[in-house]
Amino acid sequence: MNKLKTMIWNLQILKDTKGQDLIEYALMAGFVAVAAGAIMPGVSDNISQIFSKVASSLGAAAAQGS
């Protein structure tokens, strides 16, 4: 019986699409940043610094979590 509950729980997780919106917004923000960097060359340095800070923060969080 416990195995059946586990299978049902796993199927419910696979059907969950709540995180899909977050990924779409992140992709859109990235696209806007790349477009802004292409249109305004002065902004590209600032965008690069922001992405570098985000990448280092994510790397530190991943190292801390494992």
N, C-alpha and C. Protein backbone atom coordinates (compact mmCIF):
# COMPACT_ATOMS: atom_id res chain seq x y z
N MET A 1 0.82 -1.19 0.00
CA MET A 1 0.00 0.00 0.00
C MET A 1 0.87 1.27 0.00
N ASN A 2 1.95 1.23 0.76
CA ASN A 2 2.84 2.38 0.83
C ASN A 2 3.50 2.63 -0.53
N LYS A 3 3.81 1.55 -1.24
CA LYS A 3 4.41 1.68 -2.56
C LYS A 3 3.45 2.36 -3.54
N LEU A 4 2.16 2.05 -3.43
CA LEU A 4 1.14 2.66 -4.28
C LEU A 4 1.04 4.16 -4.01
N LYS A 5 1.08 4.54 -2.74
CA LYS A 5 1.03 5.96 -2.39
C LYS A 5 2.24 6.69 -2.96
N THR A 6 3.40 6.05 -2.89
CA THR A 6 4.61 6.66 -3.43
C THR A 6 4.50 6.85 -4.94
N MET A 7 3.96 5.86 -5.64
CA MET A 7 3.79 5.98 -7.09
C MET A 7 2.83 7.11 -7.44
N ILE A 8 1.73 7.21 -6.69
CA ILE A 8 0.76 8.28 -6.95
C ILE A 8 1.39 9.64 -6.69
N TRP A 9 2.18 9.76 -5.63
CA TRP A 9 2.85 11.02 -5.31
C TRP A 9 3.81 11.42 -6.43
N ASN A 10 4.57 10.45 -6.93
CA ASN A 10 5.51 10.73 -8.02
C ASN A 10 4.78 11.16 -9.28
N LEU A 11 3.65 10.59 -9.59
CA LEU A 11 2.88 10.98 -10.77
C LEU A 11 2.33 12.39 -10.61
N GLN A 12 1.93 12.76 -9.41
CA GLN A 12 1.43 14.11 -9.18
C GLN A 12 2.54 15.14 -9.35
N ILE A 13 3.75 14.80 -8.94
CA ILE A 13 4.87 15.72 -9.10
C ILE A 13 5.17 15.92 -10.58
N LEU A 14 5.09 14.85 -11.38
CA LEU A 14 5.36 14.97 -12.81
C LEU A 14 4.34 15.84 -13.52
N LYS A 15 3.11 15.86 -13.03
CA LYS A 15 2.06 16.66 -13.65
C LYS A 15 2.10 18.13 -13.22
N ASP A 16 2.84 18.43 -12.17
CA ASP A 16 2.90 19.79 -11.64
C ASP A 16 3.61 20.72 -12.62
N THR A 17 2.96 21.82 -12.99
CA THR A 17 3.54 22.77 -13.94
C THR A 17 3.69 24.17 -13.34
N LYS A 18 3.69 24.28 -12.02
CA LYS A 18 3.76 25.60 -11.38
C LYS A 18 5.09 26.29 -11.66
N GLY A 19 6.19 25.55 -11.75
CA GLY A 19 7.49 26.15 -11.98
C GLY A 19 7.71 26.58 -13.42
N GLN A 20 6.82 26.19 -14.31
CA GLN A 20 6.98 26.52 -15.72
C GLN A 20 6.95 28.03 -15.94
N ASP A 21 6.10 28.73 -15.25
CA ASP A 21 6.00 30.19 -15.42
C ASP A 21 7.30 30.87 -15.02
N LEU A 22 7.90 30.41 -13.94
CA LEU A 22 9.15 31.01 -13.47
C LEU A 22 10.24 30.87 -14.53
N ILE A 23 10.33 29.71 -15.13
CA ILE A 23 11.33 29.48 -16.17
C ILE A 23 11.06 30.38 -17.38
N GLU A 24 9.82 30.52 -17.75
CA GLU A 24 9.48 31.38 -18.89
C GLU A 24 9.84 32.83 -18.61
N TYR A 25 9.58 33.31 -17.39
CA TYR A 25 9.93 34.68 -17.04
C TYR A 25 11.45 34.87 -17.04
N ALA A 26 12.19 33.88 -16.55
CA ALA A 26 13.66 33.97 -16.54
C ALA A 26 14.20 34.02 -17.96
N LEU A 27 13.64 33.20 -18.84
CA LEU A 27 14.08 33.23 -20.24
C LEU A 27 13.77 34.57 -20.89
N MET A 28 12.60 35.11 -20.60
CA MET A 28 12.23 36.40 -21.17
C MET A 28 13.14 37.51 -20.64
N ALA A 29 13.48 37.48 -19.35
CA ALA A 29 14.38 38.48 -18.80
C ALA A 29 15.76 38.37 -19.44
N GLY A 30 16.21 37.16 -19.66
CA GLY A 30 17.49 36.97 -20.33
C GLY A 30 17.48 37.50 -21.75
N PHE A 31 16.40 37.26 -22.45
CA PHE A 31 16.26 37.74 -23.83
C PHE A 31 16.26 39.27 -23.87
N VAL A 32 15.55 39.89 -22.95
CA VAL A 32 15.51 41.35 -22.90
C VAL A 32 16.90 41.91 -22.59
N ALA A 33 17.62 41.25 -21.69
CA ALA A 33 18.96 41.71 -21.34
C ALA A 33 19.90 41.60 -22.54
N VAL A 34 19.82 40.51 -23.28
CA VAL A 34 20.68 40.34 -24.46
C VAL A 34 20.32 41.37 -25.53
N ALA A 35 19.02 41.60 -25.72
CA ALA A 35 18.59 42.59 -26.71
C ALA A 35 19.04 43.99 -26.30
N ALA A 36 18.94 44.31 -25.02
CA ALA A 36 19.39 45.63 -24.56
C ALA A 36 20.89 45.78 -24.74
N GLY A 37 21.63 44.72 -24.49
CA GLY A 37 23.08 44.78 -24.69
C GLY A 37 23.45 44.95 -26.14
N ALA A 38 22.66 44.37 -27.04
CA ALA A 38 22.95 44.51 -28.47
C ALA A 38 22.61 45.91 -28.97
N ILE A 39 21.54 46.48 -28.44
CA ILE A 39 21.10 47.80 -28.90
C ILE A 39 21.92 48.91 -28.27
N MET A 40 22.23 48.77 -26.99
CA MET A 40 22.97 49.81 -26.26
C MET A 40 24.27 49.23 -25.75
N PRO A 41 25.36 49.41 -26.47
CA PRO A 41 26.64 48.81 -26.07
C PRO A 41 27.13 49.23 -24.69
N GLY A 42 26.78 50.41 -24.24
CA GLY A 42 27.21 50.86 -22.92
C GLY A 42 26.58 50.07 -21.79
N VAL A 43 25.44 49.51 -22.04
CA VAL A 43 24.73 48.75 -21.02
C VAL A 43 25.27 47.33 -20.91
N SER A 44 25.93 46.85 -21.95
CA SER A 44 26.36 45.45 -21.97
C SER A 44 27.34 45.13 -20.86
N ASP A 45 28.20 46.08 -20.48
CA ASP A 45 29.13 45.84 -19.37
C ASP A 45 28.37 45.65 -18.06
N ASN A 46 27.37 46.48 -17.83
CA ASN A 46 26.57 46.35 -16.61
C ASN A 46 25.81 45.03 -16.59
N ILE A 47 25.26 44.63 -17.71
CA ILE A 47 24.53 43.38 -17.79
C ILE A 47 25.48 42.21 -17.52
N SER A 48 26.68 42.28 -18.07
CA SER A 48 27.67 41.23 -17.86
C SER A 48 28.03 41.12 -16.38
N GLN A 49 28.18 42.24 -15.70
CA GLN A 49 28.49 42.22 -14.27
C GLN A 49 27.36 41.61 -13.46
N ILE A 50 26.12 41.92 -13.82
CA ILE A 50 24.96 41.37 -13.11
C ILE A 50 24.90 39.87 -13.29
N PHE A 51 25.07 39.39 -14.52
CA PHE A 51 25.04 37.95 -14.75
C PHE A 51 26.18 37.25 -14.03
N SER A 52 27.34 37.89 -13.96
CA SER A 52 28.48 37.30 -13.23
C SER A 52 28.17 37.18 -11.75
N LYS A 53 27.54 38.21 -11.17
CA LYS A 53 27.17 38.16 -9.75
C LYS A 53 26.14 37.06 -9.50
N VAL A 54 25.16 36.94 -10.38
CA VAL A 54 24.14 35.90 -10.23
C VAL A 54 24.77 34.52 -10.33
N ALA A 55 25.68 34.34 -11.29
CA ALA A 55 26.33 33.05 -11.47
C ALA A 55 27.18 32.69 -10.26
N SER A 56 27.89 33.65 -9.70
CA SER A 56 28.71 33.35 -8.52
C SER A 56 27.84 33.05 -7.31
N SER A 57 26.72 33.74 -7.17
CA SER A 57 25.79 33.47 -6.06
C SER A 57 25.18 32.08 -6.18
N LEU A 58 24.80 31.71 -7.41
CA LEU A 58 24.25 30.38 -7.61
C LEU A 58 25.29 29.30 -7.37
N GLY A 59 26.52 29.56 -7.78
CA GLY A 59 27.60 28.60 -7.55
C GLY A 59 27.86 28.42 -6.05
N ALA A 60 27.85 29.50 -5.31
CA ALA A 60 28.07 29.43 -3.86
C ALA A 60 26.92 28.69 -3.18
N ALA A 61 25.70 28.95 -3.63
CA ALA A 61 24.54 28.26 -3.04
C ALA A 61 24.57 26.77 -3.35
N ALA A 62 24.98 26.42 -4.56
CA ALA A 62 25.06 25.01 -4.93
C ALA A 62 26.14 24.30 -4.14
N ALA A 63 27.27 24.96 -3.93
CA ALA A 63 28.36 24.35 -3.15
C ALA A 63 27.95 24.20 -1.68
N GLN A 64 27.19 25.13 -1.19
CA GLN A 64 26.76 25.08 0.21
C GLN A 64 25.70 24.00 0.42
N GLY A 65 24.86 23.78 -0.61
CA GLY A 65 23.79 22.79 -0.49
C GLY A 65 24.26 21.35 -0.59
N SER A 66 25.40 21.11 -1.22
CA SER A 66 25.84 19.72 -1.38
C SER A 66 26.84 19.29 -0.35
